[in-house]
C-alpha cells in the first residue's frame, strides 16, 4: 500500500506539517528539497482540512439529531 492511501490522523498531520514549516522557514534546504517538503506540506494541509470538514459535518449531524430528539421528548411536532 502506498503512503497516500492511508492518511495520517489529524494530530499526526498537524505535527508533521508544523515540522515541515519550521524546516522551510529555517531556509537552509536546497531548492529541490524545499519543493519536496512544500509539496508534502500542501498534501498534509489538504488532508487536515478534509478531516476538519468531515468532523464539522459529523458534529452538525449529531447536533441536529439531538435537537430532533429533544423536540420529540418535549412533545413538539415538526
PDB file of N, CA and C in Angstrom:
ATOM      1  N   UNK A   1       0.829  -1.179   0.000  1.00  0.00           N
ATOM      2  CA  UNK A   1       0.000   0.000   0.000  1.00  0.00           C
ATOM      3  C   UNK A   1       0.874   1.243   0.000  1.00  0.00           C
ATOM      4  N   UNK A   2       0.470   2.237  -0.768  1.00  0.00           N
ATOM      5  CA  UNK A   2       1.256   3.459  -0.807  1.00  0.00           C
ATOM      6  C   UNK A   2       0.942   4.324   0.401  1.00  0.00           C
ATOM      7  N   UNK A   3       1.819   5.267   0.661  1.00  0.00           N
ATOM      8  CA  UNK A   3       1.677   6.154   1.817  1.00  0.00           C
ATOM      9  C   UNK A   3       0.439   7.032   1.687  1.00  0.00           C
ATOM     10  N   UNK A   4       0.054   7.395   0.462  1.00  0.00           N
ATOM     11  CA  UNK A   4      -1.084   8.268   0.243  1.00  0.00           C
ATOM     12  C   UNK A   4      -2.409   7.568   0.515  1.00  0.00           C
ATOM     13  N   UNK A   5      -2.454   6.250   0.463  1.00  0.00           N
ATOM     14  CA  UNK A   5      -3.693   5.527   0.649  1.00  0.00           C
ATOM     15  C   UNK A   5      -4.137   5.542   2.104  1.00  0.00           C
ATOM     16  N   UNK A   6      -3.224   5.648   3.034  1.00  0.00           N
ATOM     17  CA  UNK A   6      -3.575   5.684   4.450  1.00  0.00           C
ATOM     18  C   UNK A   6      -3.196   7.059   4.997  1.00  0.00           C
ATOM     19  N   UNK A   7      -4.211   7.893   5.177  1.00  0.00           N
ATOM     20  CA  UNK A   7      -3.972   9.248   5.651  1.00  0.00           C
ATOM     21  C   UNK A   7      -3.597   9.218   7.135  1.00  0.00           C
ATOM     22  N   UNK A   8      -2.688  10.096   7.530  1.00  0.00           N
ATOM     23  CA  UNK A   8      -2.338  10.173   8.952  1.00  0.00           C
ATOM     24  C   UNK A   8      -3.506  10.761   9.739  1.00  0.00           C
ATOM     25  N   UNK A   9      -3.506  10.547  11.038  1.00  0.00           N
ATOM     26  CA  UNK A   9      -4.530  11.168  11.873  1.00  0.00           C
ATOM     27  C   UNK A   9      -4.352  12.683  11.782  1.00  0.00           C
ATOM     28  N   UNK A  10      -5.377  13.401  12.190  1.00  0.00           N
ATOM     29  CA  UNK A  10      -5.307  14.857  12.161  1.00  0.00           C
ATOM     30  C   UNK A  10      -4.121  15.355  12.984  1.00  0.00           C
ATOM     31  N   UNK A  11      -3.954  14.778  14.163  1.00  0.00           N
ATOM     32  CA  UNK A  11      -2.881  15.200  15.051  1.00  0.00           C
ATOM     33  C   UNK A  11      -1.506  14.913  14.448  1.00  0.00           C
ATOM     34  N   UNK A  12      -1.369  13.728  13.815  1.00  0.00           N
ATOM     35  CA  UNK A  12      -0.097  13.378  13.181  1.00  0.00           C
ATOM     36  C   UNK A  12       0.199  14.324  12.017  1.00  0.00           C
ATOM     37  N   UNK A  13      -0.825  14.613  11.221  1.00  0.00           N
ATOM     38  CA  UNK A  13      -0.641  15.502  10.072  1.00  0.00           C
ATOM     39  C   UNK A  13      -0.250  16.898  10.543  1.00  0.00           C
ATOM     40  N   UNK A  14      -0.898  17.371  11.588  1.00  0.00           N
ATOM     41  CA  UNK A  14      -0.594  18.701  12.107  1.00  0.00           C
ATOM     42  C   UNK A  14       0.841  18.779  12.638  1.00  0.00           C
ATOM     43  N   UNK A  15       1.237  17.745  13.350  1.00  0.00           N
ATOM     44  CA  UNK A  15       2.602  17.708  13.887  1.00  0.00           C
ATOM     45  C   UNK A  15       3.636  17.701  12.754  1.00  0.00           C
ATOM     46  N   UNK A  16       3.391  16.874  11.745  1.00  0.00           N
ATOM     47  CA  UNK A  16       4.326  16.812  10.613  1.00  0.00           C
ATOM     48  C   UNK A  16       4.321  18.122   9.829  1.00  0.00           C
ATOM     49  N   UNK A  17       3.150  18.710   9.673  1.00  0.00           N
ATOM     50  CA  UNK A  17       3.043  19.983   8.965  1.00  0.00           C
ATOM     51  C   UNK A  17       3.826  21.072   9.697  1.00  0.00           C
ATOM     52  N   UNK A  18       3.704  21.122  11.003  1.00  0.00           N
ATOM     53  CA  UNK A  18       4.467  22.100  11.790  1.00  0.00           C
ATOM     54  C   UNK A  18       5.970  21.895  11.618  1.00  0.00           C
ATOM     55  N   UNK A  19       6.384  20.645  11.609  1.00  0.00           N
ATOM     56  CA  UNK A  19       7.802  20.337  11.431  1.00  0.00           C
ATOM     57  C   UNK A  19       8.299  20.790  10.053  1.00  0.00           C
ATOM     58  N   UNK A  20       7.493  20.515   9.031  1.00  0.00           N
ATOM     59  CA  UNK A  20       7.869  20.925   7.674  1.00  0.00           C
ATOM     60  C   UNK A  20       7.954  22.442   7.562  1.00  0.00           C
ATOM     61  N   UNK A  21       7.004  23.136   8.140  1.00  0.00           N
ATOM     62  CA  UNK A  21       7.010  24.598   8.093  1.00  0.00           C
ATOM     63  C   UNK A  21       8.263  25.139   8.781  1.00  0.00           C
ATOM     64  N   UNK A  22       8.608  24.568   9.923  1.00  0.00           N
ATOM     65  CA  UNK A  22       9.830  25.009  10.619  1.00  0.00           C
ATOM     66  C   UNK A  22      11.063  24.799   9.750  1.00  0.00           C
ATOM     67  N   UNK A  23      11.142  23.649   9.091  1.00  0.00           N
ATOM     68  CA  UNK A  23      12.289  23.376   8.215  1.00  0.00           C
ATOM     69  C   UNK A  23      12.341  24.364   7.054  1.00  0.00           C
ATOM     70  N   UNK A  24      11.178  24.637   6.477  1.00  0.00           N
ATOM     71  CA  UNK A  24      11.133  25.555   5.342  1.00  0.00           C
ATOM     72  C   UNK A  24      11.460  26.987   5.766  1.00  0.00           C
ATOM     73  N   UNK A  25      10.990  27.381   6.948  1.00  0.00           N
ATOM     74  CA  UNK A  25      11.268  28.732   7.429  1.00  0.00           C
ATOM     75  C   UNK A  25      12.735  28.928   7.782  1.00  0.00           C
ATOM     76  N   UNK A  26      13.384  27.842   8.162  1.00  0.00           N
ATOM     77  CA  UNK A  26      14.796  27.928   8.512  1.00  0.00           C
ATOM     78  C   UNK A  26      15.615  28.346   7.291  1.00  0.00           C
ATOM     79  N   UNK A  27      15.202  27.887   6.113  1.00  0.00           N
ATOM     80  CA  UNK A  27      15.780  28.358   4.856  1.00  0.00           C
ATOM     81  C   UNK A  27      17.121  27.786   4.458  1.00  0.00           C
ATOM     82  N   UNK A  28      17.547  26.689   5.040  1.00  0.00           N
ATOM     83  CA  UNK A  28      18.859  26.149   4.709  1.00  0.00           C
ATOM     84  C   UNK A  28      18.796  24.934   3.792  1.00  0.00           C
ATOM     85  N   UNK A  29      17.624  24.604   3.285  1.00  0.00           N
ATOM     86  CA  UNK A  29      17.478  23.445   2.408  1.00  0.00           C
ATOM     87  C   UNK A  29      17.759  23.831   0.962  1.00  0.00           C
ATOM     88  N   UNK A  30      18.284  22.891   0.186  1.00  0.00           N
ATOM     89  CA  UNK A  30      18.432  23.146  -1.247  1.00  0.00           C
ATOM     90  C   UNK A  30      17.037  23.312  -1.879  1.00  0.00           C
ATOM     91  N   UNK A  31      16.983  23.967  -3.005  1.00  0.00           N
ATOM     92  CA  UNK A  31      15.713  24.263  -3.653  1.00  0.00           C
ATOM     93  C   UNK A  31      14.881  23.002  -3.887  1.00  0.00           C
ATOM     94  N   UNK A  32      15.466  21.967  -4.414  1.00  0.00           N
ATOM     95  CA  UNK A  32      14.723  20.733  -4.719  1.00  0.00           C
ATOM     96  C   UNK A  32      14.123  20.129  -3.451  1.00  0.00           C
ATOM     97  N   UNK A  33      14.890  20.106  -2.375  1.00  0.00           N
ATOM     98  CA  UNK A  33      14.408  19.565  -1.108  1.00  0.00           C
ATOM     99  C   UNK A  33      13.288  20.448  -0.548  1.00  0.00           C
ATOM    100  N   UNK A  34      13.446  21.753  -0.692  1.00  0.00           N
ATOM    101  CA  UNK A  34      12.408  22.681  -0.241  1.00  0.00           C
ATOM    102  C   UNK A  34      11.102  22.446  -0.988  1.00  0.00           C
ATOM    103  N   UNK A  35      11.200  22.235  -2.286  1.00  0.00           N
ATOM    104  CA  UNK A  35       9.996  21.972  -3.086  1.00  0.00           C
ATOM    105  C   UNK A  35       9.324  20.666  -2.678  1.00  0.00           C
ATOM    106  N   UNK A  36      10.112  19.647  -2.397  1.00  0.00           N
ATOM    107  CA  UNK A  36       9.550  18.365  -1.953  1.00  0.00           C
ATOM    108  C   UNK A  36       8.812  18.540  -0.623  1.00  0.00           C
ATOM    109  N   UNK A  37       9.435  19.260   0.289  1.00  0.00           N
ATOM    110  CA  UNK A  37       8.821  19.473   1.602  1.00  0.00           C
ATOM    111  C   UNK A  37       7.580  20.357   1.489  1.00  0.00           C
ATOM    112  N   UNK A  38       7.631  21.347   0.604  1.00  0.00           N
ATOM    113  CA  UNK A  38       6.471  22.200   0.382  1.00  0.00           C
ATOM    114  C   UNK A  38       5.306  21.387  -0.188  1.00  0.00           C
ATOM    115  N   UNK A  39       5.589  20.520  -1.140  1.00  0.00           N
ATOM    116  CA  UNK A  39       4.550  19.674  -1.723  1.00  0.00           C
ATOM    117  C   UNK A  39       3.930  18.772  -0.651  1.00  0.00           C
ATOM    118  N   UNK A  40       4.750  18.185   0.197  1.00  0.00           N
ATOM    119  CA  UNK A  40       4.261  17.336   1.286  1.00  0.00           C
ATOM    120  C   UNK A  40       3.406  18.160   2.248  1.00  0.00           C
ATOM    121  N   UNK A  41       3.837  19.378   2.538  1.00  0.00           N
ATOM    122  CA  UNK A  41       3.079  20.250   3.438  1.00  0.00           C
ATOM    123  C   UNK A  41       1.707  20.570   2.857  1.00  0.00           C
ATOM    124  N   UNK A  42       1.641  20.824   1.569  1.00  0.00           N
ATOM    125  CA  UNK A  42       0.360  21.103   0.914  1.00  0.00           C
ATOM    126  C   UNK A  42      -0.547  19.884   1.013  1.00  0.00           C
ATOM    127  N   UNK A  43      -0.010  18.700   0.779  1.00  0.00           N
ATOM    128  CA  UNK A  43      -0.804  17.469   0.890  1.00  0.00           C
ATOM    129  C   UNK A  43      -1.345  17.303   2.309  1.00  0.00           C
ATOM    130  N   UNK A  44      -0.508  17.531   3.291  1.00  0.00           N
ATOM    131  CA  UNK A  44      -0.936  17.404   4.687  1.00  0.00           C
ATOM    132  C   UNK A  44      -1.998  18.447   5.038  1.00  0.00           C
ATOM    133  N   UNK A  45      -1.826  19.654   4.547  1.00  0.00           N
ATOM    134  CA  UNK A  45      -2.802  20.712   4.820  1.00  0.00           C
ATOM    135  C   UNK A  45      -4.155  20.353   4.209  1.00  0.00           C
ATOM    136  N   UNK A  46      -4.144  19.833   3.000  1.00  0.00           N
ATOM    137  CA  UNK A  46      -5.403  19.433   2.349  1.00  0.00           C
ATOM    138  C   UNK A  46      -6.066  18.282   3.099  1.00  0.00           C
ATOM    139  N   UNK A  47      -5.274  17.302   3.485  1.00  0.00           N
ATOM    140  CA  UNK A  47      -5.807  16.161   4.238  1.00  0.00           C
ATOM    141  C   UNK A  47      -6.405  16.635   5.556  1.00  0.00           C
ATOM    142  N   UNK A  48      -5.711  17.515   6.249  1.00  0.00           N
ATOM    143  CA  UNK A  48      -6.194  18.034   7.527  1.00  0.00           C
ATOM    144  C   UNK A  48      -7.490  18.819   7.340  1.00  0.00           C
ATOM    145  N   UNK A  49      -7.557  19.618   6.288  1.00  0.00           N
ATOM    146  CA  UNK A  49      -8.762  20.403   6.013  1.00  0.00           C
ATOM    147  C   UNK A  49      -9.949  19.478   5.757  1.00  0.00           C
ATOM    148  N   UNK A  50      -9.725  18.408   4.996  1.00  0.00           N
ATOM    149  CA  UNK A  50     -10.794  17.443   4.734  1.00  0.00           C
ATOM    150  C   UNK A  50     -11.250  16.775   6.031  1.00  0.00           C
ATOM    151  N   UNK A  51     -10.306  16.428   6.880  1.00  0.00           N
ATOM    152  CA  UNK A  51     -10.650  15.797   8.157  1.00  0.00           C
ATOM    153  C   UNK A  51     -11.456  16.755   9.034  1.00  0.00           C
ATOM    154  N   UNK A  52     -11.081  18.020   9.039  1.00  0.00           N
ATOM    155  CA  UNK A  52     -11.826  19.014   9.812  1.00  0.00           C
ATOM    156  C   UNK A  52     -13.243  19.183   9.269  1.00  0.00           C
ATOM    157  N   UNK A  53     -13.380  19.209   7.952  1.00  0.00           N
ATOM    158  CA  UNK A  53     -14.703  19.342   7.348  1.00  0.00           C
ATOM    159  C   UNK A  53     -15.581  18.140   7.674  1.00  0.00           C
ATOM    160  N   UNK A  54     -14.993  16.952   7.649  1.00  0.00           N
ATOM    161  CA  UNK A  54     -15.748  15.745   7.995  1.00  0.00           C
ATOM    162  C   UNK A  54     -16.178  15.780   9.466  1.00  0.00           C
ATOM    163  N   UNK A  55     -15.297  16.221  10.334  1.00  0.00           N
ATOM    164  CA  UNK A  55     -15.633  16.309  11.753  1.00  0.00           C
ATOM    165  C   UNK A  55     -16.740  17.345  11.977  1.00  0.00           C
ATOM    166  N   UNK A  56     -16.639  18.471  11.293  1.00  0.00           N
ATOM    167  CA  UNK A  56     -17.662  19.508  11.420  1.00  0.00           C
ATOM    168  C   UNK A  56     -19.020  18.996  10.943  1.00  0.00           C
ATOM    169  N   UNK A  57     -19.016  18.265   9.841  1.00  0.00           N
ATOM    170  CA  UNK A  57     -20.258  17.704   9.311  1.00  0.00           C
ATOM    171  C   UNK A  57     -20.861  16.701  10.300  1.00  0.00           C
ATOM    172  N   UNK A  58     -20.015  15.898  10.910  1.00  0.00           N
ATOM    173  CA  UNK A  58     -20.489  14.915  11.877  1.00  0.00           C
ATOM    174  C   UNK A  58     -21.096  15.608  13.095  1.00  0.00           C
ATOM    175  N   UNK A  59     -20.431  16.662  13.584  1.00  0.00           N
ATOM    176  CA  UNK A  59     -20.948  17.407  14.727  1.00  0.00           C
ATOM    177  C   UNK A  59     -22.297  18.037  14.368  1.00  0.00           C
ATOM    178  N   UNK A  60     -22.393  18.617  13.183  1.00  0.00           N
ATOM    179  CA  UNK A  60     -23.649  19.226  12.737  1.00  0.00           C
ATOM    180  C   UNK A  60     -24.759  18.192  12.690  1.00  0.00           C
ATOM    181  N   UNK A  61     -24.456  17.010  12.154  1.00  0.00           N
ATOM    182  CA  UNK A  61     -25.433  15.929  12.075  1.00  0.00           C
ATOM    183  C   UNK A  61     -25.868  15.477  13.464  1.00  0.00           C
ATOM    184  N   UNK A  62     -24.906  15.317  14.365  1.00  0.00           N
ATOM    185  CA  UNK A  62     -25.218  14.898  15.729  1.00  0.00           C
ATOM    186  C   UNK A  62     -26.044  15.945  16.468  1.00  0.00           C
ATOM    187  N   UNK A  63     -25.716  17.203  16.273  1.00  0.00           N
ATOM    188  CA  UNK A  63     -26.472  18.270  16.928  1.00  0.00           C
ATOM    189  C   UNK A  63     -27.903  18.331  16.395  1.00  0.00           C
ATOM    190  N   UNK A  64     -28.069  18.141  15.100  1.00  0.00           N
ATOM    191  CA  UNK A  64     -29.407  18.146  14.513  1.00  0.00           C
ATOM    192  C   UNK A  64     -30.214  16.968  15.042  1.00  0.00           C
ATOM    193  N   UNK A  65     -29.590  15.806  15.163  1.00  0.00           N
ATOM    194  CA  UNK A  65     -30.275  14.632  15.703  1.00  0.00           C
ATOM    195  C   UNK A  65     -30.654  14.869  17.156  1.00  0.00           C
ATOM    196  N   UNK A  66     -29.793  15.531  17.902  1.00  0.00           N
ATOM    197  CA  UNK A  66     -30.083  15.841  19.307  1.00  0.00           C
ATOM    198  C   UNK A  66     -31.273  16.786  19.409  1.00  0.00           C
ATOM    199  N   UNK A  67     -31.335  17.778  18.537  1.00  0.00           N
ATOM    200  CA  UNK A  67     -32.448  18.728  18.553  1.00  0.00           C
ATOM    201  C   UNK A  67     -33.765  18.032  18.242  1.00  0.00           C
ATOM    202  N   UNK A  68     -33.752  17.132  17.254  1.00  0.00           N
ATOM    203  CA  UNK A  68     -34.957  16.384  16.904  1.00  0.00           C
ATOM    204  C   UNK A  68     -35.393  15.525  18.084  1.00  0.00           C
ATOM    205  N   UNK A  69     -34.444  14.877  18.720  1.00  0.00           N
ATOM    206  CA  UNK A  69     -34.744  14.039  19.881  1.00  0.00           C
ATOM    207  C   UNK A  69     -35.314  14.878  21.022  1.00  0.00           C
ATOM    208  N   UNK A  70     -34.736  16.047  21.260  1.00  0.00           N
ATOM    209  CA  UNK A  70     -35.219  16.918  22.328  1.00  0.00           C
ATOM    210  C   UNK A  70     -36.621  17.422  22.018  1.00  0.00           C
ATOM    211  N   UNK A  71     -36.878  17.744  20.750  1.00  0.00           N
ATOM    212  CA  UNK A  71     -38.213  18.196  20.353  1.00  0.00           C
ATOM    213  C   UNK A  71     -39.247  17.098  20.582  1.00  0.00           C
ATOM    214  N   UNK A  72     -38.897  15.875  20.257  1.00  0.00           N
ATOM    215  CA  UNK A  72     -39.822  14.746  20.469  1.00  0.00           C
ATOM    216  C   UNK A  72     -40.060  14.529  21.951  1.00  0.00           C
ATOM    217  N   UNK A  73     -39.032  14.661  22.760  1.00  0.00           N
ATOM    218  CA  UNK A  73     -39.154  14.482  24.200  1.00  0.00           C
ATOM    219  C   UNK A  73     -40.040  15.556  24.825  1.00  0.00           C
ATOM    220  N   UNK A  74     -40.048  16.747  24.223  1.00  0.00           N
ATOM    221  CA  UNK A  74     -40.849  17.856  24.726  1.00  0.00           C
ATOM    222  C   UNK A  74     -42.260  17.865  24.147  1.00  0.00           C
ATOM    223  N   UNK A  75     -42.545  16.937  23.268  1.00  0.00           N
ATOM    224  CA  UNK A  75     -43.861  16.850  22.673  1.00  0.00           C
ATOM    225  C   UNK A  75     -44.050  17.753  21.484  1.00  0.00           C
ATOM    226  N   UNK A  76     -43.001  18.416  21.036  1.00  0.00           N
ATOM    227  CA  UNK A  76     -43.106  19.280  19.859  1.00  0.00           C
ATOM    228  C   UNK A  76     -43.232  18.434  18.607  1.00  0.00           C
ATOM    229  N   UNK A  77     -43.973  18.904  17.658  1.00  0.00           N
ATOM    230  CA  UNK A  77     -44.131  18.197  16.379  1.00  0.00           C
ATOM    231  C   UNK A  77     -43.566  19.092  15.300  1.00  0.00           C
ATOM    232  N   UNK A  78     -42.801  18.494  14.421  1.00  0.00           N
ATOM    233  CA  UNK A  78     -42.204  19.266  13.338  1.00  0.00           C
ATOM    234  C   UNK A  78     -43.126  19.347  12.166  1.00  0.00           C
TER     235      UNK A  78
END
